[in-house]
Amino acid sequence: MIAVSRNRLMVSAGGRERVITLSTPLTGPIVRMAPFDTGTTLFVGLAKGEWGAGPKRIDTITGTVNEVPGLGGPINGVGPVPGRPAAS
């Protein structure tokens, strides 16, 4: 299980929990997300109005938060490329 707040990421697996401080706080009235986890990377969208906001990439080991390049503008969901689950 992965839980995200504005400042932290909590990963719970195999009876163990890790809390990672995010490098940059997530902004928005509410953190809403359609998570897509590649194992060490979590992609999330933030609730910034009706159409969402640009996606963020969070490293689940270091807590580093980055914009996803080339996907500017609103986004309200993330997921695998159909037929190519490794390509996101």
PDB file of N, CA and C in Angstrom:
ATOM      1  N   MET A   1       0.843  -1.165   0.000  1.00  0.00           N
ATOM      2  CA  MET A   1       0.000   0.000   0.000  1.00  0.00           C
ATOM      3  C   MET A   1       0.893   1.233   0.000  1.00  0.00           C
ATOM      4  N   ILE A   2       0.474   2.243  -0.735  1.00  0.00           N
ATOM      5  CA  ILE A   2       1.187   3.517  -0.770  1.00  0.00           C
ATOM      6  C   ILE A   2       0.200   4.625  -0.442  1.00  0.00           C
ATOM      7  N   ALA A   3       0.572   5.493   0.498  1.00  0.00           N
ATOM      8  CA  ALA A   3      -0.246   6.652   0.847  1.00  0.00           C
ATOM      9  C   ALA A   3       0.607   7.901   0.658  1.00  0.00           C
ATOM     10  N   VAL A   4      -0.013   8.947   0.097  1.00  0.00           N
ATOM     11  CA  VAL A   4       0.702  10.185  -0.180  1.00  0.00           C
ATOM     12  C   VAL A   4      -0.012  11.338   0.504  1.00  0.00           C
ATOM     13  N   SER A   5       0.766  12.176   1.206  1.00  0.00           N
ATOM     14  CA  SER A   5       0.237  13.427   1.744  1.00  0.00           C
ATOM     15  C   SER A   5       0.965  14.558   1.032  1.00  0.00           C
ATOM     16  N   ARG A   6       0.721  15.772   1.428  1.00  0.00           N
ATOM     17  CA  ARG A   6       1.414  16.896   0.784  1.00  0.00           C
ATOM     18  C   ARG A   6       2.919  16.839   0.988  1.00  0.00           C
ATOM     19  N   ASN A   7       3.368  16.277   2.111  1.00  0.00           N
ATOM     20  CA  ASN A   7       4.794  16.306   2.458  1.00  0.00           C
ATOM     21  C   ASN A   7       5.474  14.951   2.574  1.00  0.00           C
ATOM     22  N   ARG A   8       4.680  13.875   2.604  1.00  0.00           N
ATOM     23  CA  ARG A   8       5.268  12.556   2.858  1.00  0.00           C
ATOM     24  C   ARG A   8       4.646  11.473   1.997  1.00  0.00           C
ATOM     25  N   LEU A   9       5.399  10.404   1.898  1.00  0.00           N
ATOM     26  CA  LEU A   9       4.975   9.204   1.198  1.00  0.00           C
ATOM     27  C   LEU A   9       5.153   8.050   2.180  1.00  0.00           C
ATOM     28  N   MET A  10       4.133   7.233   2.368  1.00  0.00           N
ATOM     29  CA  MET A  10       4.247   6.066   3.222  1.00  0.00           C
ATOM     30  C   MET A  10       4.066   4.817   2.373  1.00  0.00           C
ATOM     31  N   VAL A  11       5.027   3.911   2.480  1.00  0.00           N
ATOM     32  CA  VAL A  11       4.983   2.666   1.740  1.00  0.00           C
ATOM     33  C   VAL A  11       4.881   1.534   2.758  1.00  0.00           C
ATOM     34  N   SER A  12       3.863   0.699   2.621  1.00  0.00           N
ATOM     35  CA  SER A  12       3.660  -0.433   3.510  1.00  0.00           C
ATOM     36  C   SER A  12       3.652  -1.700   2.671  1.00  0.00           C
ATOM     37  N   ALA A  13       4.596  -2.596   2.968  1.00  0.00           N
ATOM     38  CA  ALA A  13       4.686  -3.847   2.217  1.00  0.00           C
ATOM     39  C   ALA A  13       5.337  -4.917   3.093  1.00  0.00           C
ATOM     40  N   GLY A  14       4.817  -6.116   3.040  1.00  0.00           N
ATOM     41  CA  GLY A  14       5.406  -7.219   3.768  1.00  0.00           C
ATOM     42  C   GLY A  14       5.471  -7.009   5.271  1.00  0.00           C
ATOM     43  N   GLY A  15       4.488  -6.296   5.818  1.00  0.00           N
ATOM     44  CA  GLY A  15       4.474  -6.050   7.254  1.00  0.00           C
ATOM     45  C   GLY A  15       5.420  -4.949   7.711  1.00  0.00           C
ATOM     46  N   ARG A  16       6.036  -4.255   6.782  1.00  0.00           N
ATOM     47  CA  ARG A  16       6.959  -3.160   7.116  1.00  0.00           C
ATOM     48  C   ARG A  16       6.445  -1.857   6.526  1.00  0.00           C
ATOM     49  N   GLU A  17       6.717  -0.767   7.217  1.00  0.00           N
ATOM     50  CA  GLU A  17       6.320   0.561   6.744  1.00  0.00           C
ATOM     51  C   GLU A  17       7.543   1.462   6.656  1.00  0.00           C
ATOM     52  N   ARG A  18       7.563   2.256   5.597  1.00  0.00           N
ATOM     53  CA  ARG A  18       8.605   3.282   5.431  1.00  0.00           C
ATOM     54  C   ARG A  18       7.906   4.611   5.199  1.00  0.00           C
ATOM     55  N   VAL A  19       8.401   5.663   5.826  1.00  0.00           N
ATOM     56  CA  VAL A  19       7.884   7.010   5.596  1.00  0.00           C
ATOM     57  C   VAL A  19       9.016   7.820   4.987  1.00  0.00           C
ATOM     58  N   ILE A  20       8.748   8.399   3.823  1.00  0.00           N
ATOM     59  CA  ILE A  20       9.739   9.166   3.083  1.00  0.00           C
ATOM     60  C   ILE A  20       9.249  10.605   2.973  1.00  0.00           C
ATOM     61  N   THR A  21      10.083  11.565   3.328  1.00  0.00           N
ATOM     62  CA  THR A  21       9.746  12.973   3.174  1.00  0.00           C
ATOM     63  C   THR A  21       9.930  13.366   1.714  1.00  0.00           C
ATOM     64  N   LEU A  22       8.933  14.044   1.139  1.00  0.00           N
ATOM     65  CA  LEU A  22       9.010  14.469  -0.260  1.00  0.00           C
ATOM     66  C   LEU A  22       9.970  15.650  -0.399  1.00  0.00           C
ATOM     67  N   SER A  23      10.706  15.686  -1.498  1.00  0.00           N
ATOM     68  CA  SER A  23      11.678  16.763  -1.740  1.00  0.00           C
ATOM     69  C   SER A  23      10.991  18.107  -1.928  1.00  0.00           C
ATOM     70  N   THR A  24       9.790  18.099  -2.471  1.00  0.00           N
ATOM     71  CA  THR A  24       9.001  19.299  -2.704  1.00  0.00           C
ATOM     72  C   THR A  24       7.571  18.992  -2.287  1.00  0.00           C
ATOM     73  N   PRO A  25       6.958  19.829  -1.457  1.00  0.00           N
ATOM     74  CA  PRO A  25       5.565  19.564  -1.080  1.00  0.00           C
ATOM     75  C   PRO A  25       4.642  19.591  -2.303  1.00  0.00           C
ATOM     76  N   LEU A  26       3.663  18.722  -2.311  1.00  0.00           N
ATOM     77  CA  LEU A  26       2.652  18.726  -3.369  1.00  0.00           C
ATOM     78  C   LEU A  26       1.667  19.842  -3.053  1.00  0.00           C
ATOM     79  N   THR A  27       1.293  20.617  -4.056  1.00  0.00           N
ATOM     80  CA  THR A  27       0.393  21.737  -3.829  1.00  0.00           C
ATOM     81  C   THR A  27      -0.960  21.476  -4.454  1.00  0.00           C
ATOM     82  N   GLY A  28      -1.953  22.054  -3.871  1.00  0.00           N
ATOM     83  CA  GLY A  28      -3.318  21.885  -4.344  1.00  0.00           C
ATOM     84  C   GLY A  28      -4.203  21.758  -3.126  1.00  0.00           C
ATOM     85  N   PRO A  29      -5.476  22.036  -3.293  1.00  0.00           N
ATOM     86  CA  PRO A  29      -6.368  21.952  -2.143  1.00  0.00           C
ATOM     87  C   PRO A  29      -6.480  20.541  -1.584  1.00  0.00           C
ATOM     88  N   ILE A  30      -6.385  19.536  -2.446  1.00  0.00           N
ATOM     89  CA  ILE A  30      -6.474  18.144  -2.040  1.00  0.00           C
ATOM     90  C   ILE A  30      -5.546  17.357  -2.960  1.00  0.00           C
ATOM     91  N   VAL A  31      -4.820  16.420  -2.399  1.00  0.00           N
ATOM     92  CA  VAL A  31      -4.024  15.550  -3.259  1.00  0.00           C
ATOM     93  C   VAL A  31      -4.957  14.453  -3.755  1.00  0.00           C
ATOM     94  N   ARG A  32      -5.237  14.479  -5.043  1.00  0.00           N
ATOM     95  CA  ARG A  32      -6.048  13.427  -5.671  1.00  0.00           C
ATOM     96  C   ARG A  32      -5.139  12.728  -6.641  1.00  0.00           C
ATOM     97  N   MET A  33      -5.284  11.455  -6.756  1.00  0.00           N
ATOM     98  CA  MET A  33      -4.377  10.771  -7.647  1.00  0.00           C
ATOM     99  C   MET A  33      -4.983   9.543  -8.271  1.00  0.00           C
ATOM    100  N   ALA A  34      -4.477   9.263  -9.429  1.00  0.00           N
ATOM    101  CA  ALA A  34      -4.707   7.981 -10.067  1.00  0.00           C
ATOM    102  C   ALA A  34      -3.311   7.384 -10.131  1.00  0.00           C
ATOM    103  N   PRO A  35      -2.903   6.648  -9.096  1.00  0.00           N
ATOM    104  CA  PRO A  35      -1.498   6.231  -9.036  1.00  0.00           C
ATOM    105  C   PRO A  35      -1.149   5.165 -10.058  1.00  0.00           C
ATOM    106  N   PHE A  36       0.064   5.236 -10.515  1.00  0.00           N
ATOM    107  CA  PHE A  36       0.634   4.202 -11.377  1.00  0.00           C
ATOM    108  C   PHE A  36       2.031   3.966 -10.855  1.00  0.00           C
ATOM    109  N   ASP A  37       2.302   2.774 -10.351  1.00  0.00           N
ATOM    110  CA  ASP A  37       3.556   2.451  -9.689  1.00  0.00           C
ATOM    111  C   ASP A  37       4.383   1.528 -10.573  1.00  0.00           C
ATOM    112  N   THR A  38       5.631   1.931 -10.852  1.00  0.00           N
ATOM    113  CA  THR A  38       6.528   1.090 -11.660  1.00  0.00           C
ATOM    114  C   THR A  38       7.498   0.310 -10.789  1.00  0.00           C
ATOM    115  N   GLY A  39       7.330   0.350  -9.491  1.00  0.00           N
ATOM    116  CA  GLY A  39       8.230  -0.347  -8.583  1.00  0.00           C
ATOM    117  C   GLY A  39       9.013   0.628  -7.726  1.00  0.00           C
ATOM    118  N   THR A  40       9.616   1.634  -8.354  1.00  0.00           N
ATOM    119  CA  THR A  40      10.340   2.670  -7.611  1.00  0.00           C
ATOM    120  C   THR A  40       9.863   4.068  -7.971  1.00  0.00           C
ATOM    121  N   THR A  41       8.900   4.159  -8.856  1.00  0.00           N
ATOM    122  CA  THR A  41       8.376   5.460  -9.276  1.00  0.00           C
ATOM    123  C   THR A  41       6.861   5.440  -9.173  1.00  0.00           C
ATOM    124  N   LEU A  42       6.318   6.510  -8.601  1.00  0.00           N
ATOM    125  CA  LEU A  42       4.877   6.659  -8.474  1.00  0.00           C
ATOM    126  C   LEU A  42       4.472   7.894  -9.261  1.00  0.00           C
ATOM    127  N   PHE A  43       3.516   7.771 -10.161  1.00  0.00           N
ATOM    128  CA  PHE A  43       2.997   8.896 -10.927  1.00  0.00           C
ATOM    129  C   PHE A  43       1.667   9.308 -10.316  1.00  0.00           C
ATOM    130  N   VAL A  44       1.492  10.604 -10.055  1.00  0.00           N
ATOM    131  CA  VAL A  44       0.258  11.097  -9.446  1.00  0.00           C
ATOM    132  C   VAL A  44      -0.217  12.360 -10.160  1.00  0.00           C
ATOM    133  N   GLY A  45      -1.524  12.636 -10.037  1.00  0.00           N
ATOM    134  CA  GLY A  45      -2.108  13.883 -10.510  1.00  0.00           C
ATOM    135  C   GLY A  45      -2.678  14.627  -9.314  1.00  0.00           C
ATOM    136  N   LEU A  46      -2.682  15.940  -9.363  1.00  0.00           N
ATOM    137  CA  LEU A  46      -3.176  16.752  -8.252  1.00  0.00           C
ATOM    138  C   LEU A  46      -4.505  17.391  -8.610  1.00  0.00           C
ATOM    139  N   ALA A  47      -5.367  17.557  -7.626  1.00  0.00           N
ATOM    140  CA  ALA A  47      -6.678  18.172  -7.829  1.00  0.00           C
ATOM    141  C   ALA A  47      -6.520  19.681  -7.854  1.00  0.00           C
ATOM    142  N   LYS A  48      -6.466  20.241  -9.021  1.00  0.00           N
ATOM    143  CA  LYS A  48      -6.374  21.696  -9.174  1.00  0.00           C
ATOM    144  C   LYS A  48      -7.466  22.129 -10.134  1.00  0.00           C
ATOM    145  N   GLY A  49      -8.676  22.017  -9.683  1.00  0.00           N
ATOM    146  CA  GLY A  49      -9.790  22.403 -10.536  1.00  0.00           C
ATOM    147  C   GLY A  49     -10.414  21.198 -11.207  1.00  0.00           C
ATOM    148  N   GLU A  50     -11.404  21.480 -12.028  1.00  0.00           N
ATOM    149  CA  GLU A  50     -12.207  20.427 -12.643  1.00  0.00           C
ATOM    150  C   GLU A  50     -11.397  19.447 -13.475  1.00  0.00           C
ATOM    151  N   TRP A  51     -10.349  19.920 -14.150  1.00  0.00           N
ATOM    152  CA  TRP A  51      -9.628  19.066 -15.081  1.00  0.00           C
ATOM    153  C   TRP A  51      -8.303  18.554 -14.531  1.00  0.00           C
ATOM    154  N   GLY A  52      -8.050  18.693 -13.258  1.00  0.00           N
ATOM    155  CA  GLY A  52      -6.814  18.155 -12.692  1.00  0.00           C
ATOM    156  C   GLY A  52      -5.640  19.086 -12.896  1.00  0.00           C
ATOM    157  N   ALA A  53      -4.457  18.547 -12.928  1.00  0.00           N
ATOM    158  CA  ALA A  53      -3.231  19.316 -13.104  1.00  0.00           C
ATOM    159  C   ALA A  53      -2.196  18.411 -13.747  1.00  0.00           C
ATOM    160  N   GLY A  54      -1.050  18.984 -14.067  1.00  0.00           N
ATOM    161  CA  GLY A  54       0.012  18.187 -14.673  1.00  0.00           C
ATOM    162  C   GLY A  54       0.466  17.078 -13.748  1.00  0.00           C
ATOM    163  N   PRO A  55       0.947  15.977 -14.305  1.00  0.00           N
ATOM    164  CA  PRO A  55       1.365  14.842 -13.489  1.00  0.00           C
ATOM    165  C   PRO A  55       2.701  15.088 -12.799  1.00  0.00           C
ATOM    166  N   LYS A  56       2.900  14.417 -11.680  1.00  0.00           N
ATOM    167  CA  LYS A  56       4.156  14.458 -10.927  1.00  0.00           C
ATOM    168  C   LYS A  56       4.717  13.046 -10.874  1.00  0.00           C
ATOM    169  N   ARG A  57       6.030  12.958 -10.828  1.00  0.00           N
ATOM    170  CA  ARG A  57       6.733  11.691 -10.684  1.00  0.00           C
ATOM    171  C   ARG A  57       7.405  11.716  -9.319  1.00  0.00           C
ATOM    172  N   ILE A  58       7.152  10.694  -8.486  1.00  0.00           N
ATOM    173  CA  ILE A  58       7.752  10.613  -7.157  1.00  0.00           C
ATOM    174  C   ILE A  58       8.609   9.353  -7.085  1.00  0.00           C
ATOM    175  N   ASP A  59       9.880   9.528  -6.742  1.00  0.00           N
ATOM    176  CA  ASP A  59      10.775   8.399  -6.516  1.00  0.00           C
ATOM    177  C   ASP A  59      10.444   7.831  -5.141  1.00  0.00           C
ATOM    178  N   THR A  60      10.012   6.570  -5.062  1.00  0.00           N
ATOM    179  CA  THR A  60       9.564   5.994  -3.797  1.00  0.00           C
ATOM    180  C   THR A  60      10.727   5.602  -2.882  1.00  0.00           C
ATOM    181  N   ILE A  61      11.949   5.720  -3.350  1.00  0.00           N
ATOM    182  CA  ILE A  61      13.124   5.453  -2.517  1.00  0.00           C
ATOM    183  C   ILE A  61      13.628   6.749  -1.884  1.00  0.00           C
ATOM    184  N   THR A  62      13.753   7.819  -2.699  1.00  0.00           N
ATOM    185  CA  THR A  62      14.353   9.065  -2.219  1.00  0.00           C
ATOM    186  C   THR A  62      13.335  10.144  -1.853  1.00  0.00           C
ATOM    187  N   GLY A  63      12.106  10.058  -2.381  1.00  0.00           N
ATOM    188  CA  GLY A  63      11.107  11.093  -2.156  1.00  0.00           C
ATOM    189  C   GLY A  63      11.226  12.267  -3.111  1.00  0.00           C
ATOM    190  N   THR A  64      12.092  12.163  -4.115  1.00  0.00           N
ATOM    191  CA  THR A  64      12.269  13.237  -5.097  1.00  0.00           C
ATOM    192  C   THR A  64      11.010  13.390  -5.940  1.00  0.00           C
ATOM    193  N   VAL A  65      10.503  14.634  -6.029  1.00  0.00           N
ATOM    194  CA  VAL A  65       9.305  14.950  -6.807  1.00  0.00           C
ATOM    195  C   VAL A  65       9.729  15.744  -8.038  1.00  0.00           C
ATOM    196  N   ASN A  66       9.282  15.303  -9.223  1.00  0.00           N
ATOM    197  CA  ASN A  66       9.585  15.982 -10.481  1.00  0.00           C
ATOM    198  C   ASN A  66       8.334  16.112 -11.324  1.00  0.00           C
ATOM    199  N   GLU A  67       8.315  17.134 -12.173  1.00  0.00           N
ATOM    200  CA  GLU A  67       7.282  17.241 -13.204  1.00  0.00           C
ATOM    201  C   GLU A  67       7.565  16.163 -14.247  1.00  0.00           C
ATOM    202  N   VAL A  68       6.532  15.683 -14.896  1.00  0.00           N
ATOM    203  CA  VAL A  68       6.713  14.742 -16.000  1.00  0.00           C
ATOM    204  C   VAL A  68       6.857  15.578 -17.262  1.00  0.00           C
ATOM    205  N   PRO A  69       8.044  15.565 -17.903  1.00  0.00           N
ATOM    206  CA  PRO A  69       8.266  16.412 -19.073  1.00  0.00           C
ATOM    207  C   PRO A  69       7.409  16.007 -20.261  1.00  0.00           C
ATOM    208  N   GLY A  70       7.007  17.007 -21.037  1.00  0.00           N
ATOM    209  CA  GLY A  70       6.255  16.763 -22.257  1.00  0.00           C
ATOM    210  C   GLY A  70       4.776  16.513 -22.047  1.00  0.00           C
ATOM    211  N   LEU A  71       4.298  16.569 -20.808  1.00  0.00           N
ATOM    212  CA  LEU A  71       2.881  16.337 -20.545  1.00  0.00           C
ATOM    213  C   LEU A  71       2.269  17.520 -19.829  1.00  0.00           C
ATOM    214  N   GLY A  72       2.591  18.714 -20.276  1.00  0.00           N
ATOM    215  CA  GLY A  72       2.036  19.904 -19.650  1.00  0.00           C
ATOM    216  C   GLY A  72       0.537  19.962 -19.815  1.00  0.00           C
ATOM    217  N   GLY A  73      -0.087  20.727 -18.966  1.00  0.00           N
ATOM    218  CA  GLY A  73      -1.532  20.872 -19.040  1.00  0.00           C
ATOM    219  C   GLY A  73      -2.236  19.870 -18.156  1.00  0.00           C
ATOM    220  N   PRO A  74      -3.550  19.933 -18.157  1.00  0.00           N
ATOM    221  CA  PRO A  74      -4.343  19.093 -17.257  1.00  0.00           C
ATOM    222  C   PRO A  74      -4.220  17.604 -17.555  1.00  0.00           C
ATOM    223  N   ILE A  75      -4.264  16.831 -16.496  1.00  0.00           N
ATOM    224  CA  ILE A  75      -4.310  15.376 -16.608  1.00  0.00           C
ATOM    225  C   ILE A  75      -5.104  14.868 -15.416  1.00  0.00           C
ATOM    226  N   ASN A  76      -5.916  13.852 -15.596  1.00  0.00           N
ATOM    227  CA  ASN A  76      -6.683  13.336 -14.460  1.00  0.00           C
ATOM    228  C   ASN A  76      -6.584  11.830 -14.301  1.00  0.00           C
ATOM    229  N   GLY A  77      -5.616  11.211 -14.956  1.00  0.00           N
ATOM    230  CA  GLY A  77      -5.400   9.785 -14.778  1.00  0.00           C
ATOM    231  C   GLY A  77      -4.097   9.353 -15.419  1.00  0.00           C
ATOM    232  N   VAL A  78      -3.516   8.284 -14.905  1.00  0.00           N
ATOM    233  CA  VAL A  78      -2.293   7.725 -15.464  1.00  0.00           C
ATOM    234  C   VAL A  78      -2.423   6.215 -15.497  1.00  0.00           C
ATOM    235  N   GLY A  79      -1.733   5.576 -16.436  1.00  0.00           N
ATOM    236  CA  GLY A  79      -1.788   4.128 -16.538  1.00  0.00           C
ATOM    237  C   GLY A  79      -0.841   3.625 -17.607  1.00  0.00           C
ATOM    238  N   PRO A  80      -0.760   2.318 -17.766  1.00  0.00           N
ATOM    239  CA  PRO A  80       0.152   1.744 -18.758  1.00  0.00           C
ATOM    240  C   PRO A  80      -0.347   1.955 -20.181  1.00  0.00           C
ATOM    241  N   VAL A  81       0.579   1.897 -21.123  1.00  0.00           N
ATOM    242  CA  VAL A  81       0.234   1.934 -22.540  1.00  0.00           C
ATOM    243  C   VAL A  81      -0.394   0.582 -22.872  1.00  0.00           C
ATOM    244  N   PRO A  82      -1.594   0.551 -23.473  1.00  0.00           N
ATOM    245  CA  PRO A  82      -2.243  -0.725 -23.787  1.00  0.00           C
ATOM    246  C   PRO A  82      -1.327  -1.633 -24.611  1.00  0.00           C
ATOM    247  N   GLY A  83      -1.195  -2.854 -24.168  1.00  0.00           N
ATOM    248  CA  GLY A  83      -0.363  -3.828 -24.869  1.00  0.00           C
ATOM    249  C   GLY A  83       1.111  -3.708 -24.560  1.00  0.00           C
ATOM    250  N   ARG A  84       1.504  -2.662 -23.848  1.00  0.00           N
ATOM    251  CA  ARG A  84       2.912  -2.461 -23.480  1.00  0.00           C
ATOM    252  C   ARG A  84       2.984  -1.957 -22.036  1.00  0.00           C
ATOM    253  N   PRO A  85       2.698  -2.807 -21.067  1.00  0.00           N
ATOM    254  CA  PRO A  85       2.615  -2.350 -19.683  1.00  0.00           C
ATOM    255  C   PRO A  85       3.910  -1.757 -19.139  1.00  0.00           C
ATOM    256  N   ALA A  86       5.071  -2.107 -19.699  1.00  0.00           N
ATOM    257  CA  ALA A  86       6.338  -1.536 -19.221  1.00  0.00           C
ATOM    258  C   ALA A  86       6.561  -0.122 -19.738  1.00  0.00           C
ATOM    259  N   ALA A  87       5.853   0.292 -20.771  1.00  0.00           N
ATOM    260  CA  ALA A  87       6.020   1.631 -21.355  1.00  0.00           C
ATOM    261  C   ALA A  87       4.973   2.552 -20.762  1.00  0.00           C
ATOM    262  N   SER A  88       5.400   3.504 -19.942  1.00  0.00           N
ATOM    263  CA  SER A  88       4.431   4.413 -19.330  1.00  0.00           C
ATOM    264  C   SER A  88       4.761   5.841 -19.642  1.00  0.00           C
TER     265      SER A  88
END
